[in-house]
Every structure is written in C-alpha cells, then in structure tokens.
Amino acid sequence: MDLTSLFRSPEFYVPFRAGQIVFKENDPGDTMYVVIEGEVELTIRGNPIRSFGRGEVIGEMALISDKPRVGTVTARTDCKLAPINKKRFLLLVQQSPQFSLHMLETMAERIRWMDSLISPNTSAP
C-alpha cells in the first residue's frame, strides 16, 4: 500500500530542512509521520540505525504504545512529512482496513529486522 495516496492534501504536510530534528529520543510519542518526500534517519543513543524514505512511516511505536520515543529522527534531506496524531490514527484504523493491515505488516517487518540484529543467524525480511 502506498501510504502517500492517503495524504494527498499538501496543506497538511510539515516541511523539514536537512539536519532538522523531527523528534528526539525519550520525547512523548503523540504523533507518527508518513514520509511524503525526502529522507529521514533514525538514530538510537547517537548510533545511526536506518533511513526512511517516501511512503514509509516513522514514530508509530510510540504512538501505539503511549511510551517515549525509542530514538531520534532527523531529516537527511529537505523533506515533507504527513503528521498523524492519535485521533487521526484511530480514525484511519477504523475506516481503512488496508491502512490497518499495512501498519501490522510494518510492525512485523520491524520486529523481524530488530530480531535479526540481536540474533544474526536469522534472516532479515
């Protein structure tokens, strides 16, 4: 599923300049984002972990679990992100089975990927 198709209204996009922090580790997680344009990078305890590009989501774990952010996300390039707060997230889950399935697939993929870092003998997706 191309999540950018759910967020066609540019008036809701938030621009970030290269080097600008989107959110910091241990911040409250009240919003997740869909990358509409550009690229962002996740770091945990100052270590680069992964980059995310067009159509990918960031910040969903803190939004879903109501826990502080696990890492810091910084814009690698100038980018546009579509913010999704808790209320909008719940509305999307209720109205779009495809969105719900996409979020479950994303979470499963990230759990497998993190598991592969911990247990290198397993294959990553």
Protein backbone atom coordinates (compact mmCIF):
# COMPACT_ATOMS: atom_id res chain seq x y z
CA MET A 1 0.00 0.00 0.00
CA ASP A 2 1.31 3.44 -0.92
CA LEU A 3 0.51 5.49 2.17
CA THR A 4 1.21 8.73 0.33
CA SER A 5 -2.06 8.18 -1.55
CA LEU A 6 -3.96 8.62 1.73
CA PHE A 7 -2.34 12.02 2.27
CA ARG A 8 -2.89 13.97 -0.93
CA SER A 9 -3.61 17.35 0.70
CA PRO A 10 -0.34 19.30 0.78
CA GLU A 11 -1.75 21.77 3.32
CA PHE A 12 -1.29 19.06 5.97
CA TYR A 13 2.38 18.38 5.13
CA VAL A 14 5.05 19.57 7.52
CA PRO A 15 8.32 20.64 5.88
CA PHE A 16 11.68 19.78 7.48
CA ARG A 17 15.05 21.09 6.33
CA ALA A 18 18.05 18.78 6.03
CA GLY A 19 19.53 18.39 9.53
CA GLN A 20 16.35 19.39 11.33
CA ILE A 21 15.18 17.08 14.13
CA VAL A 22 11.69 15.62 13.66
CA PHE A 23 11.59 14.15 17.18
CA LYS A 24 14.07 13.21 19.88
CA GLU A 25 14.71 10.05 21.84
CA ASN A 26 12.60 9.97 25.04
CA ASP A 27 10.16 12.62 23.76
CA PRO A 28 6.48 11.79 24.26
CA GLY A 29 5.08 9.95 21.25
CA ASP A 30 1.91 11.78 20.32
CA THR A 31 2.38 11.78 16.52
CA MET A 32 3.65 9.45 13.82
CA TYR A 33 4.61 10.58 10.33
CA VAL A 34 4.43 9.36 6.75
CA VAL A 35 7.40 10.43 4.63
CA ILE A 36 5.90 12.16 1.60
CA GLU A 37 9.15 13.47 0.10
CA GLY A 38 12.79 13.21 1.08
CA GLU A 39 14.61 11.02 3.56
CA VAL A 40 14.95 10.88 7.34
CA GLU A 41 17.36 8.95 9.56
CA LEU A 42 16.73 7.13 12.83
CA THR A 43 19.44 7.13 15.48
CA ILE A 44 19.32 5.39 18.84
CA ARG A 45 21.67 6.60 21.57
CA GLY A 46 23.52 8.53 18.86
CA ASN A 47 24.06 5.48 16.62
CA PRO A 48 22.65 5.58 13.07
CA ILE A 49 20.16 2.75 12.68
CA ARG A 50 18.24 3.20 9.45
CA SER A 51 16.98 5.69 6.87
CA PHE A 52 13.35 6.01 5.79
CA GLY A 53 12.04 7.39 2.51
CA ARG A 54 8.88 8.10 0.57
CA GLY A 55 5.82 6.18 1.77
CA GLU A 56 7.42 4.86 4.97
CA VAL A 57 6.14 5.59 8.47
CA ILE A 58 8.15 6.78 11.45
CA GLY A 59 7.22 7.21 15.08
CA GLU A 60 4.40 4.66 15.07
CA MET A 61 5.69 2.62 18.02
CA ALA A 62 5.48 5.49 20.50
CA LEU A 63 2.06 6.50 19.20
CA ILE A 64 0.65 2.99 19.52
CA SER A 65 2.22 2.15 22.88
CA ASP A 66 1.99 5.59 24.56
CA LYS A 67 5.66 5.23 25.53
CA PRO A 68 8.50 7.72 24.99
CA ARG A 69 10.35 7.75 21.67
CA VAL A 70 12.94 5.00 21.27
CA GLY A 71 15.17 7.09 19.01
CA THR A 72 15.80 10.42 17.34
CA VAL A 73 14.69 11.08 13.78
CA THR A 74 16.48 13.75 11.75
CA ALA A 75 15.82 14.94 8.20
CA ARG A 76 18.69 13.75 5.97
CA THR A 77 17.36 15.85 3.09
CA ASP A 78 14.77 18.56 2.81
CA CYS A 79 11.55 16.63 3.22
CA LYS A 80 7.81 16.78 3.69
CA LEU A 81 6.09 14.63 6.29
CA ALA A 82 2.40 13.99 6.91
CA PRO A 83 1.74 14.00 10.67
CA ILE A 84 -0.79 11.56 12.11
CA ASN A 85 -1.89 12.17 15.69
CA LYS A 86 -3.59 9.53 17.83
CA LYS A 87 -7.12 10.67 16.90
CA ARG A 88 -6.38 10.56 13.17
CA PHE A 89 -4.57 7.23 13.54
CA LEU A 90 -7.62 5.65 15.22
CA LEU A 91 -9.88 7.08 12.52
CA LEU A 92 -7.66 5.60 9.77
CA VAL A 93 -7.63 2.22 11.53
CA GLN A 94 -11.44 2.25 11.72
CA GLN A 95 -12.03 3.48 8.17
CA SER A 96 -9.31 1.71 6.21
CA PRO A 97 -8.62 -2.00 6.62
CA GLN A 98 -5.74 -1.54 4.15
CA PHE A 99 -4.14 1.04 6.45
CA SER A 100 -4.54 -1.28 9.44
CA LEU A 101 -3.02 -4.20 7.54
CA HIS A 102 -0.16 -2.01 6.32
CA MET A 103 0.61 -0.92 9.89
CA LEU A 104 0.60 -4.55 11.10
CA GLU A 105 2.91 -5.56 8.25
CA THR A 106 5.23 -2.63 9.05
CA MET A 107 5.40 -3.56 12.73
CA ALA A 108 6.04 -7.26 11.93
CA GLU A 109 8.78 -6.32 9.46
CA ARG A 110 10.48 -4.06 12.01
CA ILE A 111 10.29 -6.69 14.74
CA ARG A 112 11.90 -9.24 12.39
CA TRP A 113 14.57 -6.73 11.42
CA MET A 114 15.36 -5.89 15.06
CA ASP A 115 15.43 -9.60 15.89
CA SER A 116 17.94 -10.15 13.08
CA LEU A 117 20.22 -7.55 14.69
CA ILE A 118 20.04 -9.37 18.01
CA SER A 119 20.20 -12.90 16.52
CA PRO A 120 22.34 -12.63 13.37
CA ASN A 121 21.64 -16.26 12.41
CA THR A 122 18.06 -15.41 11.45
CA SER A 123 17.35 -13.88 8.07
CA ALA A 124 16.03 -10.34 7.79
CA PRO A 125 12.99 -9.58 5.63
